[in-house]
PDB file of N, CA and C in Angstrom:
ATOM      1  N   MET A   1       3.910   3.107  -9.915  1.00  0.00           N
ATOM      2  CA  MET A   1       2.820   4.511  -9.312  1.00  0.00           C
ATOM      3  C   MET A   1       3.488   5.528  -8.949  1.00  0.00           C
ATOM      4  N   SER A   2       2.870   6.777  -8.924  1.00  0.00           N
ATOM      5  CA  SER A   2       3.548   7.976  -8.472  1.00  0.00           C
ATOM      6  C   SER A   2       2.780   8.048  -7.265  1.00  0.00           C
ATOM      7  N   THR A   3       3.347   8.725  -6.131  1.00  0.00           N
ATOM      8  CA  THR A   3       2.718   9.056  -5.028  1.00  0.00           C
ATOM      9  C   THR A   3       1.990  10.642  -5.380  1.00  0.00           C
ATOM     10  N   ASP A   4       2.374  11.348  -6.436  1.00  0.00           N
ATOM     11  CA  ASP A   4       1.519  12.513  -6.695  1.00  0.00           C
ATOM     12  C   ASP A   4       0.085  12.131  -6.981  1.00  0.00           C
ATOM     13  N   MET A   5      -0.191  10.866  -7.448  1.00  0.00           N
ATOM     14  CA  MET A   5      -1.482  10.322  -7.688  1.00  0.00           C
ATOM     15  C   MET A   5      -2.026   9.327  -6.536  1.00  0.00           C
ATOM     16  N   ILE A   6      -1.523   8.949  -5.781  1.00  0.00           N
ATOM     17  CA  ILE A   6      -1.931   8.251  -4.683  1.00  0.00           C
ATOM     18  C   ILE A   6      -1.959   8.937  -3.205  1.00  0.00           C
ATOM     19  N   ASP A   7      -2.946   8.953  -2.521  1.00  0.00           N
ATOM     20  CA  ASP A   7      -3.081   9.406  -1.092  1.00  0.00           C
ATOM     21  C   ASP A   7      -2.949   8.548  -0.358  1.00  0.00           C
ATOM     22  N   LEU A   8      -1.543   8.332   0.178  1.00  0.00           N
ATOM     23  CA  LEU A   8      -0.955   7.319   1.169  1.00  0.00           C
ATOM     24  C   LEU A   8      -1.807   6.864   2.276  1.00  0.00           C
ATOM     25  N   THR A   9      -2.514   7.849   2.928  1.00  0.00           N
ATOM     26  CA  THR A   9      -3.133   7.899   4.322  1.00  0.00           C
ATOM     27  C   THR A   9      -4.659   7.023   3.905  1.00  0.00           C
ATOM     28  N   ARG A  10      -5.322   7.788   2.756  1.00  0.00           N
ATOM     29  CA  ARG A  10      -6.267   6.879   2.384  1.00  0.00           C
ATOM     30  C   ARG A  10      -6.102   5.543   2.136  1.00  0.00           C
ATOM     31  N   LEU A  11      -4.948   5.175   1.330  1.00  0.00           N
ATOM     32  CA  LEU A  11      -4.756   3.702   0.885  1.00  0.00           C
ATOM     33  C   LEU A  11      -4.663   3.082   2.091  1.00  0.00           C
ATOM     34  N   GLY A  12      -3.883   3.676   3.006  1.00  0.00           N
ATOM     35  CA  GLY A  12      -3.406   2.810   4.266  1.00  0.00           C
ATOM     36  C   GLY A  12      -4.781   2.774   4.958  1.00  0.00           C
ATOM     37  N   GLY A  13      -5.371   3.580   5.014  1.00  0.00           N
ATOM     38  CA  GLY A  13      -6.979   3.302   5.482  1.00  0.00           C
ATOM     39  C   GLY A  13      -7.696   2.004   4.925  1.00  0.00           C
ATOM     40  N   ARG A  14      -7.769   2.107   3.738  1.00  0.00           N
ATOM     41  CA  ARG A  14      -8.119   0.907   2.922  1.00  0.00           C
ATOM     42  C   ARG A  14      -7.434  -0.377   3.095  1.00  0.00           C
ATOM     43  N   LEU A  15      -6.138  -0.339   3.111  1.00  0.00           N
ATOM     44  CA  LEU A  15      -5.459  -1.513   3.581  1.00  0.00           C
ATOM     45  C   LEU A  15      -6.011  -2.065   5.001  1.00  0.00           C
ATOM     46  N   ALA A  16      -6.343  -1.323   5.876  1.00  0.00           N
ATOM     47  CA  ALA A  16      -6.665  -1.535   7.221  1.00  0.00           C
ATOM     48  C   ALA A  16      -8.163  -2.096   7.169  1.00  0.00           C
ATOM     49  N   ILE A  17      -8.768  -1.605   6.112  1.00  0.00           N
ATOM     50  CA  ILE A  17     -10.394  -1.971   5.880  1.00  0.00           C
ATOM     51  C   ILE A  17     -10.339  -3.574   5.536  1.00  0.00           C
ATOM     52  N   VAL A  18      -9.337  -3.832   4.317  1.00  0.00           N
ATOM     53  CA  VAL A  18      -9.286  -5.163   3.968  1.00  0.00           C
ATOM     54  C   VAL A  18      -8.430  -6.144   4.657  1.00  0.00           C
ATOM     55  N   ARG A  19      -7.694  -5.643   5.632  1.00  0.00           N
ATOM     56  CA  ARG A  19      -7.140  -6.472   6.674  1.00  0.00           C
ATOM     57  C   ARG A  19      -8.402  -7.013   7.450  1.00  0.00           C
ATOM     58  N   ARG A  20      -9.362  -6.209   8.221  1.00  0.00           N
ATOM     59  CA  ARG A  20     -10.020  -6.602   9.035  1.00  0.00           C
ATOM     60  C   ARG A  20     -11.018  -7.565   8.316  1.00  0.00           C
ATOM     61  N   THR A  21     -11.729  -6.895   7.249  1.00  0.00           N
ATOM     62  CA  THR A  21     -12.374  -7.703   6.373  1.00  0.00           C
ATOM     63  C   THR A  21     -12.125  -9.003   6.377  1.00  0.00           C
ATOM     64  N   TYR A  22     -10.771  -9.103   5.708  1.00  0.00           N
ATOM     65  CA  TYR A  22     -10.339 -10.653   5.414  1.00  0.00           C
ATOM     66  C   TYR A  22     -10.288 -11.547   6.792  1.00  0.00           C
ATOM     67  N   GLY A  23     -10.062 -10.720   7.598  1.00  0.00           N
ATOM     68  CA  GLY A  23      -9.921 -11.377   8.951  1.00  0.00           C
ATOM     69  C   GLY A  23     -11.414 -12.093   9.391  1.00  0.00           C
ATOM     70  N   ASP A  24     -12.213 -11.106   9.274  1.00  0.00           N
ATOM     71  CA  ASP A  24     -13.473 -11.616   9.595  1.00  0.00           C
ATOM     72  C   ASP A  24     -13.962 -12.913   8.754  1.00  0.00           C
ATOM     73  N   SER A  25     -13.654 -12.923   7.302  1.00  0.00           N
ATOM     74  CA  SER A  25     -13.894 -13.876   6.288  1.00  0.00           C
ATOM     75  C   SER A  25     -13.192 -15.207   6.743  1.00  0.00           C
ATOM     76  N   ILE A  26     -12.160 -15.210   7.406  1.00  0.00           N
ATOM     77  CA  ILE A  26     -11.743 -16.531   7.777  1.00  0.00           C
ATOM     78  C   ILE A  26     -11.338 -16.590   9.289  1.00  0.00           C
ATOM     79  N   ASP A  27     -12.569 -16.217   9.743  1.00  0.00           N
ATOM     80  CA  ASP A  27     -12.844 -16.432  11.329  1.00  0.00           C
ATOM     81  C   ASP A  27     -11.735 -15.965  12.211  1.00  0.00           C
ATOM     82  N   LEU A  28     -10.981 -14.935  11.939  1.00  0.00           N
ATOM     83  CA  LEU A  28      -9.759 -14.324  12.666  1.00  0.00           C
ATOM     84  C   LEU A  28     -10.343 -12.687  12.744  1.00  0.00           C
ATOM     85  N   PRO A  29     -11.253 -12.476  13.734  1.00  0.00           N
ATOM     86  CA  PRO A  29     -11.820 -11.086  13.480  1.00  0.00           C
ATOM     87  C   PRO A  29     -10.711 -10.150  14.040  1.00  0.00           C
ATOM     88  N   ASN A  30      -9.853 -10.668  14.763  1.00  0.00           N
ATOM     89  CA  ASN A  30      -8.786  -9.567  15.188  1.00  0.00           C
ATOM     90  C   ASN A  30      -7.290  -9.929  14.745  1.00  0.00           C
ATOM     91  N   LEU A  31      -7.423  -9.991  13.390  1.00  0.00           N
ATOM     92  CA  LEU A  31      -6.166 -10.439  12.587  1.00  0.00           C
ATOM     93  C   LEU A  31      -5.568  -9.192  12.794  1.00  0.00           C
ATOM     94  N   GLY A  32      -4.444  -9.353  13.243  1.00  0.00           N
ATOM     95  CA  GLY A  32      -3.229  -8.195  13.292  1.00  0.00           C
ATOM     96  C   GLY A  32      -2.598  -7.887  12.038  1.00  0.00           C
ATOM     97  N   ALA A  33      -1.711  -6.749  11.990  1.00  0.00           N
ATOM     98  CA  ALA A  33      -1.073  -6.255  10.980  1.00  0.00           C
ATOM     99  C   ALA A  33       0.138  -7.226  10.530  1.00  0.00           C
ATOM    100  N   ALA A  34       0.628  -7.720  11.950  1.00  0.00           N
ATOM    101  CA  ALA A  34       2.111  -8.663  11.635  1.00  0.00           C
ATOM    102  C   ALA A  34       1.560  -9.850  10.987  1.00  0.00           C
ATOM    103  N   LEU A  35       0.524 -10.524  11.378  1.00  0.00           N
ATOM    104  CA  LEU A  35       0.115 -12.033  10.829  1.00  0.00           C
ATOM    105  C   LEU A  35      -0.371 -11.778   9.633  1.00  0.00           C
ATOM    106  N   PHE A  36      -1.263 -10.597   9.342  1.00  0.00           N
ATOM    107  CA  PHE A  36      -1.543 -10.603   7.963  1.00  0.00           C
ATOM    108  C   PHE A  36      -0.469 -10.147   7.013  1.00  0.00           C
ATOM    109  N   ALA A  37       0.819  -9.894   7.392  1.00  0.00           N
ATOM    110  CA  ALA A  37       1.694  -9.346   6.600  1.00  0.00           C
ATOM    111  C   ALA A  37       2.445 -10.896   6.131  1.00  0.00           C
ATOM    112  N   VAL A  38       2.341 -11.606   7.197  1.00  0.00           N
ATOM    113  CA  VAL A  38       2.993 -13.002   6.930  1.00  0.00           C
ATOM    114  C   VAL A  38       2.227 -13.691   6.103  1.00  0.00           C
ATOM    115  N   LEU A  39       0.661 -13.434   5.813  1.00  0.00           N
ATOM    116  CA  LEU A  39       0.006 -14.122   4.928  1.00  0.00           C
ATOM    117  C   LEU A  39       0.219 -13.652   3.603  1.00  0.00           C
ATOM    118  N   LEU A  40       0.572 -12.449   3.679  1.00  0.00           N
ATOM    119  CA  LEU A  40       0.795 -11.935   2.227  1.00  0.00           C
ATOM    120  C   LEU A  40       2.354 -11.871   1.597  1.00  0.00           C
ATOM    121  N   GLY A  41       3.157 -12.339   2.575  1.00  0.00           N
ATOM    122  CA  GLY A  41       4.608 -12.544   2.535  1.00  0.00           C
ATOM    123  C   GLY A  41       5.361 -11.292   2.234  1.00  0.00           C
ATOM    124  N   VAL A  42       5.218 -10.588   3.345  1.00  0.00           N
ATOM    125  CA  VAL A  42       6.007  -9.400   3.419  1.00  0.00           C
ATOM    126  C   VAL A  42       6.291  -9.197   4.801  1.00  0.00           C
ATOM    127  N   PRO A  43       7.343  -8.562   4.819  1.00  0.00           N
ATOM    128  CA  PRO A  43       7.817  -8.175   6.689  1.00  0.00           C
ATOM    129  C   PRO A  43       6.784  -7.387   7.226  1.00  0.00           C
ATOM    130  N   ALA A  44       6.463  -7.476   8.303  1.00  0.00           N
ATOM    131  CA  ALA A  44       5.579  -6.927   9.086  1.00  0.00           C
ATOM    132  C   ALA A  44       5.804  -5.369   9.094  1.00  0.00           C
ATOM    133  N   ALA A  45       7.084  -4.943   9.291  1.00  0.00           N
ATOM    134  CA  ALA A  45       7.312  -3.445   9.118  1.00  0.00           C
ATOM    135  C   ALA A  45       6.978  -2.927   7.901  1.00  0.00           C
ATOM    136  N   THR A  46       7.166  -3.496   6.705  1.00  0.00           N
ATOM    137  CA  THR A  46       7.060  -3.079   5.393  1.00  0.00           C
ATOM    138  C   THR A  46       5.380  -3.014   5.237  1.00  0.00           C
ATOM    139  N   TYR A  47       4.585  -3.970   5.701  1.00  0.00           N
ATOM    140  CA  TYR A  47       3.053  -3.930   5.570  1.00  0.00           C
ATOM    141  C   TYR A  47       2.872  -2.784   6.564  1.00  0.00           C
ATOM    142  N   GLN A  48       3.102  -2.476   7.963  1.00  0.00           N
ATOM    143  CA  GLN A  48       2.715  -1.633   8.697  1.00  0.00           C
ATOM    144  C   GLN A  48       3.178  -0.241   7.946  1.00  0.00           C
ATOM    145  N   SER A  49       4.121  -0.190   7.311  1.00  0.00           N
ATOM    146  CA  SER A  49       4.486   1.312   6.645  1.00  0.00           C
ATOM    147  C   SER A  49       3.320   1.530   5.647  1.00  0.00           C
ATOM    148  N   TYR A  50       3.035   0.529   4.861  1.00  0.00           N
ATOM    149  CA  TYR A  50       1.644   0.738   3.976  1.00  0.00           C
ATOM    150  C   TYR A  50       0.450   1.140   4.576  1.00  0.00           C
ATOM    151  N   GLU A  51       0.066   0.468   5.568  1.00  0.00           N
ATOM    152  CA  GLU A  51      -1.225   0.843   6.354  1.00  0.00           C
ATOM    153  C   GLU A  51      -1.170   1.988   6.865  1.00  0.00           C
ATOM    154  N   PHE A  52       0.198   2.756   7.515  1.00  0.00           N
ATOM    155  CA  PHE A  52       0.252   3.620   8.050  1.00  0.00           C
ATOM    156  C   PHE A  52       0.620   5.017   7.169  1.00  0.00           C
ATOM    157  N   GLY A  53       0.307   4.796   5.764  1.00  0.00           N
ATOM    158  CA  GLY A  53       0.609   5.815   5.032  1.00  0.00           C
ATOM    159  C   GLY A  53       1.717   6.211   4.789  1.00  0.00           C
ATOM    160  N   GLU A  54       2.964   5.593   5.234  1.00  0.00           N
ATOM    161  CA  GLU A  54       4.353   6.088   5.216  1.00  0.00           C
ATOM    162  C   GLU A  54       4.936   5.544   4.050  1.00  0.00           C
ATOM    163  N   ALA A  55       4.624   4.779   3.474  1.00  0.00           N
ATOM    164  CA  ALA A  55       5.402   4.175   2.067  1.00  0.00           C
ATOM    165  C   ALA A  55       4.083   3.709   1.044  1.00  0.00           C
ATOM    166  N   GLU A  56       4.904   3.620   0.084  1.00  0.00           N
ATOM    167  CA  GLU A  56       3.892   3.327  -1.084  1.00  0.00           C
ATOM    168  C   GLU A  56       3.776   1.587  -1.410  1.00  0.00           C
ATOM    169  N   PRO A  57       3.000   0.859  -1.565  1.00  0.00           N
ATOM    170  CA  PRO A  57       2.999  -0.338  -1.867  1.00  0.00           C
ATOM    171  C   PRO A  57       3.546  -0.683  -3.101  1.00  0.00           C
ATOM    172  N   THR A  58       4.336  -1.792  -3.243  1.00  0.00           N
ATOM    173  CA  THR A  58       4.799  -2.203  -4.703  1.00  0.00           C
ATOM    174  C   THR A  58       3.634  -2.720  -5.309  1.00  0.00           C
ATOM    175  N   VAL A  59       3.800  -2.948  -6.844  1.00  0.00           N
ATOM    176  CA  VAL A  59       2.968  -3.282  -7.619  1.00  0.00           C
ATOM    177  C   VAL A  59       2.840  -4.905  -7.231  1.00  0.00           C
ATOM    178  N   ASP A  60       3.785  -5.596  -6.945  1.00  0.00           N
ATOM    179  CA  ASP A  60       4.090  -6.910  -6.706  1.00  0.00           C
ATOM    180  C   ASP A  60       3.121  -7.219  -5.391  1.00  0.00           C
ATOM    181  N   PHE A  61       3.154  -6.551  -4.461  1.00  0.00           N
ATOM    182  CA  PHE A  61       2.311  -6.583  -3.008  1.00  0.00           C
ATOM    183  C   PHE A  61       0.663  -6.515  -3.455  1.00  0.00           C
ATOM    184  N   LEU A  62       0.683  -5.274  -4.300  1.00  0.00           N
ATOM    185  CA  LEU A  62      -0.894  -5.222  -4.666  1.00  0.00           C
ATOM    186  C   LEU A  62      -1.515  -6.256  -5.101  1.00  0.00           C
ATOM    187  N   VAL A  63      -0.728  -6.854  -6.202  1.00  0.00           N
ATOM    188  CA  VAL A  63      -1.154  -8.062  -6.908  1.00  0.00           C
ATOM    189  C   VAL A  63      -1.290  -9.368  -6.032  1.00  0.00           C
ATOM    190  N   THR A  64      -0.622  -9.540  -5.260  1.00  0.00           N
ATOM    191  CA  THR A  64      -0.748 -10.650  -4.120  1.00  0.00           C
ATOM    192  C   THR A  64      -1.830 -10.226  -3.113  1.00  0.00           C
ATOM    193  N   LEU A  65      -1.981  -9.044  -2.743  1.00  0.00           N
ATOM    194  CA  LEU A  65      -3.161  -8.520  -1.976  1.00  0.00           C
ATOM    195  C   LEU A  65      -4.228  -9.055  -2.599  1.00  0.00           C
ATOM    196  N   ARG A  66      -4.524  -8.527  -4.039  1.00  0.00           N
ATOM    197  CA  ARG A  66      -5.654  -8.925  -5.025  1.00  0.00           C
ATOM    198  C   ARG A  66      -5.730 -10.566  -4.796  1.00  0.00           C
ATOM    199  N   LYS A  67      -5.046 -11.072  -5.395  1.00  0.00           N
ATOM    200  CA  LYS A  67      -5.136 -12.562  -5.163  1.00  0.00           C
ATOM    201  C   LYS A  67      -5.512 -13.530  -3.961  1.00  0.00           C
ATOM    202  N   LYS A  68      -4.978 -12.736  -2.962  1.00  0.00           N
ATOM    203  CA  LYS A  68      -5.266 -13.543  -1.564  1.00  0.00           C
ATOM    204  C   LYS A  68      -6.780 -13.069  -0.897  1.00  0.00           C
ATOM    205  N   THR A  69      -6.987 -11.723  -1.123  1.00  0.00           N
ATOM    206  CA  THR A  69      -8.258 -11.196  -0.425  1.00  0.00           C
ATOM    207  C   THR A  69      -9.355 -10.884  -1.462  1.00  0.00           C
ATOM    208  N   GLY A  70      -9.002 -10.791  -2.758  1.00  0.00           N
ATOM    209  CA  GLY A  70      -9.858 -10.523  -3.714  1.00  0.00           C
ATOM    210  C   GLY A  70     -10.503  -9.158  -4.079  1.00  0.00           C
ATOM    211  N   VAL A  71      -9.441  -8.163  -3.166  1.00  0.00           N
ATOM    212  CA  VAL A  71     -10.078  -6.685  -3.123  1.00  0.00           C
ATOM    213  C   VAL A  71     -10.014  -6.120  -4.755  1.00  0.00           C
ATOM    214  N   SER A  72     -10.711  -5.380  -5.145  1.00  0.00           N
ATOM    215  CA  SER A  72     -10.692  -4.718  -6.288  1.00  0.00           C
ATOM    216  C   SER A  72      -9.448  -3.488  -6.003  1.00  0.00           C
ATOM    217  N   LEU A  73      -8.495  -3.696  -7.164  1.00  0.00           N
ATOM    218  CA  LEU A  73      -7.301  -2.852  -6.848  1.00  0.00           C
ATOM    219  C   LEU A  73      -8.288  -1.342  -7.376  1.00  0.00           C
ATOM    220  N   ASP A  74      -9.510  -1.315  -8.050  1.00  0.00           N
ATOM    221  CA  ASP A  74      -9.828  -0.031  -8.453  1.00  0.00           C
ATOM    222  C   ASP A  74     -10.311   0.599  -7.475  1.00  0.00           C
ATOM    223  N   TRP A  75     -10.879  -0.385  -6.437  1.00  0.00           N
ATOM    224  CA  TRP A  75     -11.288   0.543  -5.042  1.00  0.00           C
ATOM    225  C   TRP A  75     -10.343   0.825  -4.189  1.00  0.00           C
ATOM    226  N   LEU A  76      -9.458   0.080  -4.362  1.00  0.00           N
ATOM    227  CA  LEU A  76      -8.340   0.530  -3.312  1.00  0.00           C
ATOM    228  C   LEU A  76      -7.197   1.614  -3.915  1.00  0.00           C
ATOM    229  N   LEU A  77      -7.296   1.813  -5.058  1.00  0.00           N
ATOM    230  CA  LEU A  77      -6.159   2.840  -5.447  1.00  0.00           C
ATOM    231  C   LEU A  77      -7.287   4.128  -6.151  1.00  0.00           C
ATOM    232  N   ASP A  78      -8.265   4.144  -6.676  1.00  0.00           N
ATOM    233  CA  ASP A  78      -9.182   5.111  -7.145  1.00  0.00           C
ATOM    234  C   ASP A  78      -9.704   6.185  -6.077  1.00  0.00           C
ATOM    235  N   PRO A  79      -9.217   7.326  -5.879  1.00  0.00           N
ATOM    236  CA  PRO A  79      -9.777   8.209  -4.944  1.00  0.00           C
ATOM    237  C   PRO A  79     -11.070   8.293  -5.320  1.00  0.00           C
ATOM    238  N   THR A  80     -11.863   8.413  -6.549  1.00  0.00           N
ATOM    239  CA  THR A  80     -13.271   8.455  -6.716  1.00  0.00           C
ATOM    240  C   THR A  80     -13.831   7.378  -6.201  1.00  0.00           C
ATOM    241  N   GLU A  81     -13.732   6.248  -5.842  1.00  0.00           N
ATOM    242  CA  GLU A  81     -14.448   5.370  -5.266  1.00  0.00           C
ATOM    243  C   GLU A  81     -14.948   5.646  -3.940  1.00  0.00           C
ATOM    244  N   SER A  82     -15.919   5.276  -3.618  1.00  0.00           N
ATOM    245  CA  SER A  82     -16.185   5.074  -2.140  1.00  0.00           C
ATOM    246  C   SER A  82     -15.711   4.105  -1.365  1.00  0.00           C
ATOM    247  N   ALA A  83     -15.574   4.293  -0.104  1.00  0.00           N
ATOM    248  CA  ALA A  83     -14.941   3.231   0.788  1.00  0.00           C
ATOM    249  C   ALA A  83     -16.121   2.145   0.993  1.00  0.00           C
ATOM    250  N   GLY A  84     -17.172   2.132   0.701  1.00  0.00           N
ATOM    251  CA  GLY A  84     -18.268   1.253   0.485  1.00  0.00           C
ATOM    252  C   GLY A  84     -18.483   0.430  -0.209  1.00  0.00           C
ATOM    253  N   HIS A  85     -17.424   0.182  -1.259  1.00  0.00           N
ATOM    254  CA  HIS A  85     -17.615  -0.555  -2.347  1.00  0.00           C
ATOM    255  C   HIS A  85     -16.829  -1.938  -2.066  1.00  0.00           C
ATOM    256  N   PHE A  86     -16.182  -2.196  -1.132  1.00  0.00           N
ATOM    257  CA  PHE A  86     -15.310  -3.425  -0.847  1.00  0.00           C
ATOM    258  C   PHE A  86     -16.245  -4.498  -0.208  1.00  0.00           C
ATOM    259  N   GLU A  87     -16.388  -5.691  -0.754  1.00  0.00           N
ATOM    260  CA  GLU A  87     -16.886  -6.706   0.078  1.00  0.00           C
ATOM    261  C   GLU A  87     -16.192  -7.583   0.549  1.00  0.00           C
ATOM    262  N   LYS A  88     -16.913  -8.195   1.424  1.00  0.00           N
ATOM    263  CA  LYS A  88     -16.027  -9.544   2.185  1.00  0.00           C
ATOM    264  C   LYS A  88     -15.372 -10.403   0.836  1.00  0.00           C
ATOM    265  N   PRO A  89     -14.256 -11.040   0.946  1.00  0.00           N
ATOM    266  CA  PRO A  89     -13.750 -12.048  -0.005  1.00  0.00           C
ATOM    267  C   PRO A  89     -14.883 -13.391   0.022  1.00  0.00           C
ATOM    268  N   LYS A  90     -15.018 -14.130  -1.124  1.00  0.00           N
ATOM    269  CA  LYS A  90     -15.898 -15.116  -1.099  1.00  0.00           C
ATOM    270  C   LYS A  90     -15.153 -16.361  -0.866  1.00  0.00           C
TER     271      LYS A  90
END
């Protein structure tokens, strides 16, 4: 991925939406970034740098995120998709 094509701030905001929505789906409505990072197999500081828009997530991270949460990578990465298209994991 190239940071020229990805708005890291928008992506970080969407990652936060995924974290909160996933937390709700597993009855952890206050799922914090540190615990979510553990669930995804990355250090808390790494995940937080993604959510804060400070670093670009790796492809491996994005694949793990999709598998764990069911999030559409199109929704997550495509700047033309509106934020309303993410649904709770089933």
